[in-house]
Amino acid sequence: RGVRPRMFKAMVGKGHAEFASMRQQDALEFLQHLLDLISKREHALKVYDPSIHFGFQVIDRIECSQSHKVKYTDRVDNTLQLRIPMDKVTNAEQVAEFKK
């Protein structure tokens, strides 16, 4: 039988104002909420946390345009944002429609 998608969403969204509703939500935000929920639960129970496999280290490089000094900061993240130049998109019509 398994778990129906609505039941899963209701269970994960319980207690969260945005995800408890039946409105459409952002998939990335839902995934991050789910991973946070798993991590907090496993930490509270002092058991193995499977959400650690979604994390990776990101190093940000910031350079001052005047002095050209560079600063590096590192953090753990679970998503990788890729910047795609507008002249390289293959779905320009959908992007234009989305921006309206």
N, C-alpha and C. Protein backbone atom coordinates (compact mmCIF):
# COMPACT_ATOMS: atom_id res chain seq x y z
N ARG A 1 0.82 -1.20 0.00
CA ARG A 1 0.00 0.00 0.00
C ARG A 1 0.86 1.25 0.00
N GLY A 2 1.68 1.43 0.99
CA GLY A 2 2.55 2.61 1.03
C GLY A 2 1.87 3.84 1.61
N VAL A 3 2.57 4.93 1.53
CA VAL A 3 2.08 6.21 2.05
C VAL A 3 1.68 7.08 0.87
N ARG A 4 0.47 7.59 0.92
CA ARG A 4 0.01 8.48 -0.14
C ARG A 4 0.74 9.83 -0.03
N PRO A 5 1.00 10.49 -1.17
CA PRO A 5 1.71 11.78 -1.15
C PRO A 5 1.06 12.82 -0.24
N ARG A 6 -0.26 12.91 -0.26
CA ARG A 6 -0.94 13.89 0.61
C ARG A 6 -0.69 13.60 2.09
N MET A 7 -0.71 12.32 2.43
CA MET A 7 -0.47 11.93 3.82
C MET A 7 0.97 12.27 4.23
N PHE A 8 1.91 12.00 3.33
CA PHE A 8 3.31 12.30 3.60
C PHE A 8 3.50 13.80 3.80
N LYS A 9 2.92 14.61 2.90
CA LYS A 9 3.04 16.06 3.00
C LYS A 9 2.41 16.58 4.28
N ALA A 10 1.26 16.02 4.64
CA ALA A 10 0.59 16.44 5.88
C ALA A 10 1.43 16.10 7.10
N MET A 11 2.05 14.93 7.08
CA MET A 11 2.87 14.51 8.22
C MET A 11 4.12 15.40 8.34
N VAL A 12 4.79 15.65 7.23
CA VAL A 12 6.00 16.47 7.25
C VAL A 12 5.66 17.93 7.56
N GLY A 13 4.52 18.41 7.03
CA GLY A 13 4.14 19.80 7.20
C GLY A 13 3.47 20.13 8.51
N LYS A 14 3.15 19.12 9.30
CA LYS A 14 2.45 19.36 10.57
C LYS A 14 3.25 20.32 11.44
N GLY A 15 2.58 21.39 11.88
CA GLY A 15 3.23 22.37 12.74
C GLY A 15 4.00 23.45 11.98
N HIS A 16 4.03 23.37 10.66
CA HIS A 16 4.72 24.37 9.84
C HIS A 16 3.65 25.13 9.06
N ALA A 17 3.55 26.43 9.29
CA ALA A 17 2.46 27.23 8.70
C ALA A 17 2.41 27.11 7.18
N GLU A 18 3.52 27.14 6.52
CA GLU A 18 3.54 27.10 5.05
C GLU A 18 3.20 25.72 4.51
N PHE A 19 3.76 24.68 5.08
CA PHE A 19 3.59 23.34 4.53
C PHE A 19 2.38 22.59 5.07
N ALA A 20 1.74 23.11 6.09
CA ALA A 20 0.55 22.45 6.62
C ALA A 20 -0.66 22.68 5.72
N SER A 21 -0.61 23.70 4.89
CA SER A 21 -1.73 23.99 3.99
C SER A 21 -1.65 23.12 2.74
N MET A 22 -2.69 23.14 1.96
CA MET A 22 -2.69 22.37 0.71
C MET A 22 -2.32 23.24 -0.48
N ARG A 23 -1.82 24.44 -0.21
CA ARG A 23 -1.36 25.31 -1.30
C ARG A 23 -0.07 24.76 -1.88
N GLN A 24 0.26 25.22 -3.08
CA GLN A 24 1.49 24.79 -3.72
C GLN A 24 2.68 25.47 -3.05
N GLN A 25 3.74 24.70 -2.79
CA GLN A 25 4.94 25.25 -2.17
C GLN A 25 6.15 24.96 -3.03
N ASP A 26 7.22 25.61 -2.67
CA ASP A 26 8.49 25.43 -3.35
C ASP A 26 9.09 24.08 -2.96
N ALA A 27 9.48 23.29 -3.94
CA ALA A 27 10.01 21.94 -3.67
C ALA A 27 11.32 21.99 -2.89
N LEU A 28 12.18 22.96 -3.19
CA LEU A 28 13.45 23.07 -2.49
C LEU A 28 13.22 23.39 -1.01
N GLU A 29 12.32 24.32 -0.73
CA GLU A 29 12.02 24.67 0.66
C GLU A 29 11.44 23.47 1.40
N PHE A 30 10.62 22.68 0.72
CA PHE A 30 10.03 21.50 1.34
C PHE A 30 11.12 20.48 1.67
N LEU A 31 12.05 20.25 0.72
CA LEU A 31 13.15 19.32 0.95
C LEU A 31 14.01 19.78 2.13
N GLN A 32 14.33 21.07 2.18
CA GLN A 32 15.14 21.58 3.28
C GLN A 32 14.39 21.45 4.61
N HIS A 33 13.10 21.70 4.59
CA HIS A 33 12.31 21.52 5.82
C HIS A 33 12.33 20.06 6.26
N LEU A 34 12.17 19.14 5.30
CA LEU A 34 12.20 17.71 5.61
C LEU A 34 13.55 17.30 6.20
N LEU A 35 14.64 17.75 5.60
CA LEU A 35 15.97 17.41 6.10
C LEU A 35 16.20 17.99 7.49
N ASP A 36 15.74 19.23 7.72
CA ASP A 36 15.86 19.84 9.05
C ASP A 36 15.06 19.05 10.08
N LEU A 37 13.87 18.64 9.69
CA LEU A 37 13.00 17.87 10.58
C LEU A 37 13.67 16.55 10.96
N ILE A 38 14.21 15.86 9.98
CA ILE A 38 14.90 14.58 10.23
C ILE A 38 16.10 14.81 11.13
N SER A 39 16.89 15.83 10.83
CA SER A 39 18.10 16.10 11.61
C SER A 39 17.77 16.40 13.07
N LYS A 40 16.79 17.26 13.30
CA LYS A 40 16.41 17.61 14.68
C LYS A 40 15.87 16.40 15.43
N ARG A 41 15.07 15.61 14.76
CA ARG A 41 14.49 14.41 15.40
C ARG A 41 15.58 13.41 15.77
N GLU A 42 16.46 13.15 14.82
CA GLU A 42 17.52 12.17 15.08
C GLU A 42 18.48 12.67 16.15
N HIS A 43 18.76 13.99 16.15
CA HIS A 43 19.63 14.56 17.18
C HIS A 43 18.99 14.42 18.56
N ALA A 44 17.68 14.69 18.64
CA ALA A 44 16.97 14.59 19.91
C ALA A 44 16.97 13.16 20.43
N LEU A 45 16.87 12.20 19.52
CA LEU A 45 16.85 10.79 19.92
C LEU A 45 18.25 10.20 20.08
N LYS A 46 19.26 11.00 19.72
CA LYS A 46 20.66 10.57 19.78
C LYS A 46 20.90 9.30 18.97
N VAL A 47 20.38 9.32 17.75
CA VAL A 47 20.58 8.20 16.83
C VAL A 47 21.19 8.72 15.54
N TYR A 48 21.54 7.81 14.65
CA TYR A 48 22.17 8.15 13.37
C TYR A 48 21.28 9.08 12.55
N ASP A 49 21.86 10.13 12.01
CA ASP A 49 21.14 11.13 11.23
C ASP A 49 21.43 10.94 9.74
N PRO A 50 20.50 10.37 8.97
CA PRO A 50 20.75 10.14 7.55
C PRO A 50 20.80 11.41 6.71
N SER A 51 20.32 12.53 7.25
CA SER A 51 20.32 13.77 6.47
C SER A 51 21.73 14.32 6.26
N ILE A 52 22.71 13.82 7.02
CA ILE A 52 24.08 14.32 6.85
C ILE A 52 24.64 14.02 5.46
N HIS A 53 24.07 13.04 4.79
CA HIS A 53 24.56 12.68 3.46
C HIS A 53 24.15 13.67 2.38
N PHE A 54 23.26 14.59 2.73
CA PHE A 54 22.85 15.62 1.78
C PHE A 54 23.68 16.90 1.92
N GLY A 55 24.51 16.97 2.93
CA GLY A 55 25.31 18.17 3.17
C GLY A 55 26.68 18.09 2.54
N PHE A 56 27.19 19.25 2.17
CA PHE A 56 28.54 19.34 1.64
C PHE A 56 29.09 20.72 1.97
N GLN A 57 30.41 20.84 1.94
CA GLN A 57 31.05 22.10 2.28
C GLN A 57 31.14 22.99 1.06
N VAL A 58 30.79 24.25 1.25
CA VAL A 58 30.87 25.26 0.20
C VAL A 58 31.84 26.33 0.67
N ILE A 59 32.75 26.72 -0.20
CA ILE A 59 33.69 27.79 0.12
C ILE A 59 33.37 28.97 -0.77
N ASP A 60 33.02 30.10 -0.15
CA ASP A 60 32.72 31.32 -0.88
C ASP A 60 33.96 32.19 -0.94
N ARG A 61 34.23 32.74 -2.11
CA ARG A 61 35.37 33.63 -2.30
C ARG A 61 34.84 35.02 -2.62
N ILE A 62 35.22 35.98 -1.80
CA ILE A 62 34.79 37.37 -2.00
C ILE A 62 36.04 38.22 -2.19
N GLU A 63 36.05 38.98 -3.28
CA GLU A 63 37.22 39.84 -3.57
C GLU A 63 36.76 41.29 -3.60
N CYS A 64 37.50 42.13 -2.89
CA CYS A 64 37.23 43.56 -2.87
C CYS A 64 37.64 44.14 -4.23
N SER A 65 36.74 44.89 -4.84
CA SER A 65 37.03 45.44 -6.17
C SER A 65 38.07 46.55 -6.14
N GLN A 66 38.28 47.17 -4.97
CA GLN A 66 39.26 48.25 -4.87
C GLN A 66 40.63 47.75 -4.44
N SER A 67 40.68 47.02 -3.35
CA SER A 67 41.97 46.57 -2.82
C SER A 67 42.40 45.21 -3.36
N HIS A 68 41.45 44.49 -3.94
CA HIS A 68 41.68 43.13 -4.47
C HIS A 68 42.06 42.13 -3.37
N LYS A 69 41.76 42.50 -2.12
CA LYS A 69 41.94 41.54 -1.03
C LYS A 69 40.84 40.49 -1.15
N VAL A 70 41.18 39.28 -0.75
CA VAL A 70 40.25 38.16 -0.88
C VAL A 70 39.91 37.60 0.50
N LYS A 71 38.64 37.26 0.67
CA LYS A 71 38.20 36.64 1.91
C LYS A 71 37.47 35.35 1.54
N TYR A 72 37.80 34.27 2.25
CA TYR A 72 37.14 32.98 2.03
C TYR A 72 36.31 32.65 3.27
N THR A 73 35.10 32.21 3.03
CA THR A 73 34.26 31.72 4.12
C THR A 73 33.75 30.35 3.72
N ASP A 74 33.65 29.48 4.69
CA ASP A 74 33.12 28.14 4.38
C ASP A 74 31.89 27.86 5.22
N ARG A 75 31.01 27.06 4.64
CA ARG A 75 29.75 26.71 5.30
C ARG A 75 29.29 25.36 4.77
N VAL A 76 28.40 24.74 5.51
CA VAL A 76 27.80 23.48 5.07
C VAL A 76 26.44 23.82 4.47
N ASP A 77 26.16 23.26 3.31
CA ASP A 77 24.89 23.51 2.63
C ASP A 77 24.36 22.18 2.10
N ASN A 78 23.10 22.18 1.70
CA ASN A 78 22.53 20.96 1.12
C ASN A 78 21.94 21.19 -0.26
N THR A 79 22.19 22.38 -0.80
CA THR A 79 21.78 22.68 -2.17
C THR A 79 22.91 23.41 -2.89
N LEU A 80 22.95 23.24 -4.18
CA LEU A 80 23.96 23.91 -5.00
C LEU A 80 23.23 24.78 -5.99
N GLN A 81 23.41 26.09 -5.85
CA GLN A 81 22.74 27.02 -6.76
C GLN A 81 23.65 27.27 -7.96
N LEU A 82 23.09 27.07 -9.12
CA LEU A 82 23.85 27.28 -10.35
C LEU A 82 23.29 28.50 -11.07
N ARG A 83 24.15 29.43 -11.38
CA ARG A 83 23.74 30.64 -12.09
C ARG A 83 23.86 30.36 -13.59
N ILE A 84 22.76 30.51 -14.29
CA ILE A 84 22.75 30.27 -15.73
C ILE A 84 22.49 31.60 -16.43
N PRO A 85 23.41 32.04 -17.27
CA PRO A 85 23.21 33.31 -17.99
C PRO A 85 21.96 33.22 -18.87
N MET A 86 21.22 34.32 -18.95
CA MET A 86 19.98 34.33 -19.72
C MET A 86 20.18 33.97 -21.18
N ASP A 87 21.33 34.28 -21.75
CA ASP A 87 21.55 33.96 -23.16
C ASP A 87 21.84 32.47 -23.36
N LYS A 88 21.94 31.70 -22.28
CA LYS A 88 22.21 30.26 -22.37
C LYS A 88 20.99 29.40 -22.05
N VAL A 89 19.90 30.02 -21.59
CA VAL A 89 18.73 29.21 -21.22
C VAL A 89 18.09 28.60 -22.47
N THR A 90 17.54 27.41 -22.28
CA THR A 90 16.88 26.72 -23.39
C THR A 90 15.36 26.86 -23.33
N ASN A 91 14.87 27.47 -22.26
CA ASN A 91 13.43 27.66 -22.09
C ASN A 91 13.11 29.14 -21.87
N ALA A 92 13.60 29.99 -22.76
CA ALA A 92 13.46 31.44 -22.61
C ALA A 92 12.00 31.87 -22.49
N GLU A 93 11.10 31.23 -23.22
CA GLU A 93 9.68 31.60 -23.16
C GLU A 93 9.11 31.35 -21.76
N GLN A 94 9.44 30.22 -21.17
CA GLN A 94 8.93 29.90 -19.83
C GLN A 94 9.53 30.85 -18.79
N VAL A 95 10.80 31.20 -18.95
CA VAL A 95 11.44 32.12 -18.01
C VAL A 95 10.78 33.49 -18.09
N ALA A 96 10.51 33.97 -19.31
CA ALA A 96 9.85 35.26 -19.50
C ALA A 96 8.45 35.24 -18.88
N GLU A 97 7.73 34.15 -19.07
CA GLU A 97 6.39 34.02 -18.50
C GLU A 97 6.44 34.00 -16.98
N PHE A 98 7.43 33.31 -16.42
CA PHE A 98 7.60 33.24 -14.97
C PHE A 98 7.87 34.61 -14.37
N LYS A 99 8.63 35.45 -15.07
CA LYS A 99 9.00 36.76 -14.56
C LYS A 99 7.86 37.77 -14.57
N LYS A 100 6.78 37.48 -15.29
CA LYS A 100 5.63 38.42 -15.37
C LYS A 100 4.93 38.55 -14.04
